[in-house]
Amino acid sequence: ILVVDDNPNVRRMIKSIVGNLVEEVYECTDG
């Protein structure tokens, strides 16, 4: 998954919620 959000706390929450469903998480702060 790719998580795109300018708020690092939101990215962290999303990763904690879906973490056991995914093998890899990439992050960006802007479109």
All heavy atoms as atom14 arrays in JSON, in Angstrom:
{
  "sequence": "ILVVDDNPNVRRMIKSIVGNLVEEVYECTDG",
  "atom14_mask": [
    [1, 1, 1, 1, 1, 1, 1, 1, 0, 0, 0, 0, 0, 0],
    [1, 1, 1, 1, 1, 1, 1, 1, 0, 0, 0, 0, 0, 0],
    [1, 1, 1, 1, 1, 1, 1, 0, 0, 0, 0, 0, 0, 0],
    [1, 1, 1, 1, 1, 1, 1, 0, 0, 0, 0, 0, 0, 0],
    [1, 1, 1, 1, 1, 1, 1, 1, 0, 0, 0, 0, 0, 0],
    [1, 1, 1, 1, 1, 1, 1, 1, 0, 0, 0, 0, 0, 0],
    [1, 1, 1, 1, 1, 1, 1, 1, 0, 0, 0, 0, 0, 0],
    [1, 1, 1, 1, 1, 1, 1, 0, 0, 0, 0, 0, 0, 0],
    [1, 1, 1, 1, 1, 1, 1, 1, 0, 0, 0, 0, 0, 0],
    [1, 1, 1, 1, 1, 1, 1, 0, 0, 0, 0, 0, 0, 0],
    [1, 1, 1, 1, 1, 1, 1, 1, 1, 1, 1, 0, 0, 0],
    [1, 1, 1, 1, 1, 1, 1, 1, 1, 1, 1, 0, 0, 0],
    [1, 1, 1, 1, 1, 1, 1, 1, 0, 0, 0, 0, 0, 0],
    [1, 1, 1, 1, 1, 1, 1, 1, 0, 0, 0, 0, 0, 0],
    [1, 1, 1, 1, 1, 1, 1, 1, 1, 0, 0, 0, 0, 0],
    [1, 1, 1, 1, 1, 1, 0, 0, 0, 0, 0, 0, 0, 0],
    [1, 1, 1, 1, 1, 1, 1, 1, 0, 0, 0, 0, 0, 0],
    [1, 1, 1, 1, 1, 1, 1, 0, 0, 0, 0, 0, 0, 0],
    [1, 1, 1, 1, 0, 0, 0, 0, 0, 0, 0, 0, 0, 0],
    [1, 1, 1, 1, 1, 1, 1, 1, 0, 0, 0, 0, 0, 0],
    [1, 1, 1, 1, 1, 1, 1, 1, 0, 0, 0, 0, 0, 0],
    [1, 1, 1, 1, 1, 1, 1, 0, 0, 0, 0, 0, 0, 0],
    [1, 1, 1, 1, 1, 1, 1, 1, 1, 0, 0, 0, 0, 0],
    [1, 1, 1, 1, 1, 1, 1, 1, 1, 0, 0, 0, 0, 0],
    [1, 1, 1, 1, 1, 1, 1, 0, 0, 0, 0, 0, 0, 0],
    [1, 1, 1, 1, 1, 1, 1, 1, 1, 1, 1, 1, 0, 0],
    [1, 1, 1, 1, 1, 1, 1, 1, 1, 0, 0, 0, 0, 0],
    [1, 1, 1, 1, 1, 1, 0, 0, 0, 0, 0, 0, 0, 0],
    [1, 1, 1, 1, 1, 1, 1, 0, 0, 0, 0, 0, 0, 0],
    [1, 1, 1, 1, 1, 1, 1, 1, 0, 0, 0, 0, 0, 0],
    [1, 1, 1, 1, 0, 0, 0, 0, 0, 0, 0, 0, 0, 0]
  ],
  "atom14_positions": [
    [[0.84, -1.19, 0.0], [0.0, 0.0, 0.0], [0.88, 1.25, 0.0], [2.02, 1.22, 0.46], [-0.99, 0.05, 1.19], [-0.26, 0.13, 2.53], [-1.95, -1.12, 1.15], [-1.18, 0.48, 3.7], [0.0, 0.0, 0.0], [0.0, 0.0, 0.0], [0.0, 0.0, 0.0], [0.0, 0.0, 0.0], [0.0, 0.0, 0.0], [0.0, 0.0, 0.0]],
    [[0.31, 2.31, -0.51], [0.92, 3.63, -0.49], [-0.01, 4.54, 0.31], [-1.17, 4.69, -0.05], [1.1, 4.16, -1.91], [1.6, 5.59, -2.08], [2.99, 5.77, -1.45], [1.61, 5.97, -3.56], [0.0, 0.0, 0.0], [0.0, 0.0, 0.0], [0.0, 0.0, 0.0], [0.0, 0.0, 0.0], [0.0, 0.0, 0.0], [0.0, 0.0, 0.0]],
    [[0.51, 5.11, 1.4], [-0.27, 6.01, 2.25], [0.17, 7.43, 1.94], [1.35, 7.77, 2.11], [-0.08, 5.69, 3.75], [-0.91, 6.63, 4.6], [-0.44, 4.24, 4.04], [0.0, 0.0, 0.0], [0.0, 0.0, 0.0], [0.0, 0.0, 0.0], [0.0, 0.0, 0.0], [0.0, 0.0, 0.0], [0.0, 0.0, 0.0], [0.0, 0.0, 0.0]],
    [[-0.77, 8.26, 1.48], [-0.46, 9.62, 1.09], [-1.23, 10.58, 2.0], [-2.45, 10.73, 1.88], [-0.83, 9.88, -0.39], [-0.34, 11.26, -0.82], [-0.28, 8.79, -1.28], [0.0, 0.0, 0.0], [0.0, 0.0, 0.0], [0.0, 0.0, 0.0], [0.0, 0.0, 0.0], [0.0, 0.0, 0.0], [0.0, 0.0, 0.0], [0.0, 0.0, 0.0]],
    [[-0.51, 11.2, 2.93], [-1.13, 12.14, 3.87], [-0.03, 13.04, 4.41], [1.06, 12.56, 4.72], [-1.81, 11.38, 5.01], [-2.8, 12.26, 5.77], [-2.38, 13.26, 6.38], [-4.01, 11.95, 5.74], [0.0, 0.0, 0.0], [0.0, 0.0, 0.0], [0.0, 0.0, 0.0], [0.0, 0.0, 0.0], [0.0, 0.0, 0.0], [0.0, 0.0, 0.0]],
    [[-0.32, 14.33, 4.54], [0.69, 15.26, 5.03], [0.85, 15.22, 6.55], [1.75, 15.84, 7.1], [0.41, 16.69, 4.55], [-0.97, 17.2, 4.92], [-1.79, 16.42, 5.43], [-1.24, 18.39, 4.67], [0.0, 0.0, 0.0], [0.0, 0.0, 0.0], [0.0, 0.0, 0.0], [0.0, 0.0, 0.0], [0.0, 0.0, 0.0], [0.0, 0.0, 0.0]],
    [[0.01, 14.48, 7.24], [0.07, 14.38, 8.7], [0.72, 13.05, 9.1], [0.15, 11.99, 8.87], [-1.35, 14.49, 9.27], [-1.37, 14.5, 10.78], [-0.51, 13.93, 11.45], [-2.38, 15.16, 11.32], [0.0, 0.0, 0.0], [0.0, 0.0, 0.0], [0.0, 0.0, 0.0], [0.0, 0.0, 0.0], [0.0, 0.0, 0.0], [0.0, 0.0, 0.0]],
    [[1.91, 13.11, 9.72], [2.59, 11.86, 10.09], [1.8, 11.03, 11.11], [1.9, 9.8, 11.09], [3.93, 12.33, 10.67], [3.77, 13.77, 10.96], [2.68, 14.29, 10.07], [0.0, 0.0, 0.0], [0.0, 0.0, 0.0], [0.0, 0.0, 0.0], [0.0, 0.0, 0.0], [0.0, 0.0, 0.0], [0.0, 0.0, 0.0], [0.0, 0.0, 0.0]],
    [[1.01, 11.67, 11.96], [0.2, 10.92, 12.93], [-0.88, 10.1, 12.23], [-1.17, 8.97, 12.64], [-0.42, 11.86, 13.96], [0.62, 12.49, 14.86], [1.63, 11.88, 15.18], [0.39, 13.74, 15.24], [0.0, 0.0, 0.0], [0.0, 0.0, 0.0], [0.0, 0.0, 0.0], [0.0, 0.0, 0.0], [0.0, 0.0, 0.0], [0.0, 0.0, 0.0]],
    [[-1.48, 10.66, 11.19], [-2.5, 9.92, 10.44], [-1.85, 8.74, 9.72], [-2.38, 7.63, 9.74], [-3.24, 10.85, 9.44], [-4.14, 10.04, 8.52], [-4.04, 11.89, 10.2], [0.0, 0.0, 0.0], [0.0, 0.0, 0.0], [0.0, 0.0, 0.0], [0.0, 0.0, 0.0], [0.0, 0.0, 0.0], [0.0, 0.0, 0.0], [0.0, 0.0, 0.0]],
    [[-0.69, 8.98, 9.11], [0.0, 7.87, 8.44], [0.32, 6.76, 9.43], [0.14, 5.58, 9.14], [1.28, 8.37, 7.76], [1.03, 9.3, 6.59], [2.25, 9.51, 5.72], [3.45, 9.85, 6.44], [3.87, 11.08, 6.72], [3.15, 12.12, 6.34], [5.02, 11.28, 7.36], [0.0, 0.0, 0.0], [0.0, 0.0, 0.0], [0.0, 0.0, 0.0]],
    [[0.75, 7.13, 10.62], [1.07, 6.15, 11.66], [-0.18, 5.36, 12.08], [-0.13, 4.14, 12.22], [1.69, 6.86, 12.87], [2.36, 5.94, 13.85], [3.09, 6.7, 14.97], [3.97, 7.75, 14.46], [3.79, 9.06, 14.68], [2.77, 9.49, 15.39], [4.63, 9.95, 14.19], [0.0, 0.0, 0.0], [0.0, 0.0, 0.0], [0.0, 0.0, 0.0]],
    [[-1.3, 6.06, 12.25], [-2.55, 5.38, 12.63], [-3.0, 4.4, 11.55], [-3.4, 3.28, 11.85], [-3.66, 6.39, 12.91], [-3.58, 7.05, 14.26], [-5.08, 7.99, 14.68], [-5.12, 9.22, 13.4], [0.0, 0.0, 0.0], [0.0, 0.0, 0.0], [0.0, 0.0, 0.0], [0.0, 0.0, 0.0], [0.0, 0.0, 0.0], [0.0, 0.0, 0.0]],
    [[-2.94, 4.83, 10.3], [-3.34, 3.94, 9.2], [-2.46, 2.71, 9.19], [-2.95, 1.58, 9.08], [-3.29, 4.69, 7.85], [-4.4, 5.73, 7.77], [-3.4, 3.7, 6.68], [-4.33, 6.66, 6.58], [0.0, 0.0, 0.0], [0.0, 0.0, 0.0], [0.0, 0.0, 0.0], [0.0, 0.0, 0.0], [0.0, 0.0, 0.0], [0.0, 0.0, 0.0]],
    [[-1.15, 2.89, 9.32], [-0.24, 1.75, 9.32], [-0.54, 0.8, 10.48], [-0.48, -0.41, 10.31], [1.22, 2.22, 9.4], [1.69, 2.85, 8.11], [3.18, 3.11, 8.08], [3.68, 3.84, 9.28], [5.11, 4.23, 9.2], [0.0, 0.0, 0.0], [0.0, 0.0, 0.0], [0.0, 0.0, 0.0], [0.0, 0.0, 0.0], [0.0, 0.0, 0.0]],
    [[-0.89, 1.34, 11.64], [-1.19, 0.45, 12.78], [-2.5, -0.31, 12.57], [-2.63, -1.46, 12.98], [-1.22, 1.23, 14.09], [-2.34, 2.08, 14.16], [0.0, 0.0, 0.0], [0.0, 0.0, 0.0], [0.0, 0.0, 0.0], [0.0, 0.0, 0.0], [0.0, 0.0, 0.0], [0.0, 0.0, 0.0], [0.0, 0.0, 0.0], [0.0, 0.0, 0.0]],
    [[-3.45, 0.3, 11.89], [-4.75, -0.34, 11.66], [-4.66, -1.44, 10.6], [-5.3, -2.48, 10.72], [-5.81, 0.72, 11.28], [-6.14, 1.57, 12.52], [-7.07, 0.07, 10.72], [-7.01, 2.78, 12.22], [0.0, 0.0, 0.0], [0.0, 0.0, 0.0], [0.0, 0.0, 0.0], [0.0, 0.0, 0.0], [0.0, 0.0, 0.0], [0.0, 0.0, 0.0]],
    [[-3.87, -1.22, 9.57], [-3.82, -2.18, 8.46], [-2.53, -3.01, 8.43], [-2.35, -3.85, 7.56], [-4.01, -1.49, 7.09], [-5.31, -0.72, 7.06], [-2.83, -0.59, 6.75], [0.0, 0.0, 0.0], [0.0, 0.0, 0.0], [0.0, 0.0, 0.0], [0.0, 0.0, 0.0], [0.0, 0.0, 0.0], [0.0, 0.0, 0.0], [0.0, 0.0, 0.0]],
    [[-1.66, -2.77, 9.38], [-0.32, -3.37, 9.36], [-0.28, -4.87, 9.17], [0.57, -5.38, 8.44], [0.0, 0.0, 0.0], [0.0, 0.0, 0.0], [0.0, 0.0, 0.0], [0.0, 0.0, 0.0], [0.0, 0.0, 0.0], [0.0, 0.0, 0.0], [0.0, 0.0, 0.0], [0.0, 0.0, 0.0], [0.0, 0.0, 0.0], [0.0, 0.0, 0.0]],
    [[-1.19, -5.6, 9.81], [-1.16, -7.06, 9.69], [-1.78, -7.57, 8.39], [-1.77, -8.75, 8.11], [-1.84, -7.72, 10.9], [-3.31, -7.41, 10.98], [-3.8, -6.41, 10.46], [-4.04, -8.26, 11.68], [0.0, 0.0, 0.0], [0.0, 0.0, 0.0], [0.0, 0.0, 0.0], [0.0, 0.0, 0.0], [0.0, 0.0, 0.0], [0.0, 0.0, 0.0]],
    [[-2.3, -6.66, 7.55], [-2.88, -7.06, 6.26], [-1.91, -6.87, 5.1], [-2.16, -7.36, 4.01], [-4.14, -6.24, 5.96], [-5.32, -6.36, 6.93], [-6.42, -5.4, 6.52], [-5.83, -7.79, 6.97], [0.0, 0.0, 0.0], [0.0, 0.0, 0.0], [0.0, 0.0, 0.0], [0.0, 0.0, 0.0], [0.0, 0.0, 0.0], [0.0, 0.0, 0.0]],
    [[-0.85, -6.13, 5.34], [0.03, -5.74, 4.24], [1.47, -6.2, 4.48], [1.89, -6.37, 5.62], [0.0, -4.21, 4.0], [-1.4, -3.75, 3.66], [0.53, -3.46, 5.18], [0.0, 0.0, 0.0], [0.0, 0.0, 0.0], [0.0, 0.0, 0.0], [0.0, 0.0, 0.0], [0.0, 0.0, 0.0], [0.0, 0.0, 0.0], [0.0, 0.0, 0.0]],
    [[2.19, -6.4, 3.38], [3.6, -6.77, 3.47], [4.49, -5.54, 3.41], [5.52, -5.49, 4.05], [4.0, -7.71, 2.32], [3.41, -9.1, 2.41], [2.02, -9.18, 1.77], [1.82, -8.59, 0.69], [1.15, -9.83, 2.36], [0.0, 0.0, 0.0], [0.0, 0.0, 0.0], [0.0, 0.0, 0.0], [0.0, 0.0, 0.0], [0.0, 0.0, 0.0]],
    [[4.09, -4.54, 2.62], [4.92, -3.35, 2.44], [4.04, -2.11, 2.49], [2.94, -2.09, 1.93], [5.64, -3.39, 1.1], [6.63, -4.53, 0.96], [7.29, -4.55, -0.41], [7.92, -3.53, -0.76], [7.16, -5.57, -1.11], [0.0, 0.0, 0.0], [0.0, 0.0, 0.0], [0.0, 0.0, 0.0], [0.0, 0.0, 0.0], [0.0, 0.0, 0.0]],
    [[4.57, -1.07, 3.15], [3.88, 0.22, 3.24], [4.84, 1.3, 2.78], [5.96, 1.4, 3.3], [3.41, 0.52, 4.68], [2.73, 1.89, 4.73], [2.49, -0.56, 5.2], [0.0, 0.0, 0.0], [0.0, 0.0, 0.0], [0.0, 0.0, 0.0], [0.0, 0.0, 0.0], [0.0, 0.0, 0.0], [0.0, 0.0, 0.0], [0.0, 0.0, 0.0]],
    [[4.42, 2.09, 1.83], [5.18, 3.24, 1.36], [4.4, 4.49, 1.79], [3.18, 4.46, 1.88], [5.35, 3.21, -0.15], [5.98, 1.93, -0.63], [5.19, 0.91, -1.16], [7.35, 1.72, -0.5], [5.76, -0.28, -1.58], [7.92, 0.53, -0.92], [7.12, -0.47, -1.45], [7.68, -1.65, -1.85], [0.0, 0.0, 0.0], [0.0, 0.0, 0.0]],
    [[5.12, 5.57, 2.04], [4.49, 6.79, 2.51], [4.91, 7.99, 1.68], [6.05, 8.07, 1.24], [4.88, 7.06, 3.96], [4.44, 6.02, 4.95], [4.85, 6.38, 6.37], [4.68, 7.54, 6.77], [5.36, 5.48, 7.06], [0.0, 0.0, 0.0], [0.0, 0.0, 0.0], [0.0, 0.0, 0.0], [0.0, 0.0, 0.0], [0.0, 0.0, 0.0]],
    [[3.96, 8.92, 1.5], [4.22, 10.2, 0.85], [3.46, 11.28, 1.62], [2.47, 10.99, 2.29], [3.7, 10.2, -0.58], [4.54, 9.08, -1.67], [0.0, 0.0, 0.0], [0.0, 0.0, 0.0], [0.0, 0.0, 0.0], [0.0, 0.0, 0.0], [0.0, 0.0, 0.0], [0.0, 0.0, 0.0], [0.0, 0.0, 0.0], [0.0, 0.0, 0.0]],
    [[3.91, 12.51, 1.45], [3.26, 13.61, 2.14], [2.46, 14.52, 1.2], [1.84, 15.47, 1.65], [4.29, 14.48, 2.89], [5.22, 15.01, 1.94], [5.03, 13.66, 3.94], [0.0, 0.0, 0.0], [0.0, 0.0, 0.0], [0.0, 0.0, 0.0], [0.0, 0.0, 0.0], [0.0, 0.0, 0.0], [0.0, 0.0, 0.0], [0.0, 0.0, 0.0]],
    [[2.47, 14.22, -0.09], [1.82, 15.09, -1.06], [1.42, 14.3, -2.3], [2.05, 13.29, -2.63], [2.8, 16.22, -1.44], [2.15, 17.26, -2.3], [1.42, 18.12, -1.78], [2.37, 17.21, -3.53], [0.0, 0.0, 0.0], [0.0, 0.0, 0.0], [0.0, 0.0, 0.0], [0.0, 0.0, 0.0], [0.0, 0.0, 0.0], [0.0, 0.0, 0.0]],
    [[0.42, 14.8, -3.0], [-0.04, 14.14, -4.2], [1.02, 14.02, -5.28], [1.09, 13.02, -5.99], [0.0, 0.0, 0.0], [0.0, 0.0, 0.0], [0.0, 0.0, 0.0], [0.0, 0.0, 0.0], [0.0, 0.0, 0.0], [0.0, 0.0, 0.0], [0.0, 0.0, 0.0], [0.0, 0.0, 0.0], [0.0, 0.0, 0.0], [0.0, 0.0, 0.0]]
  ]
}
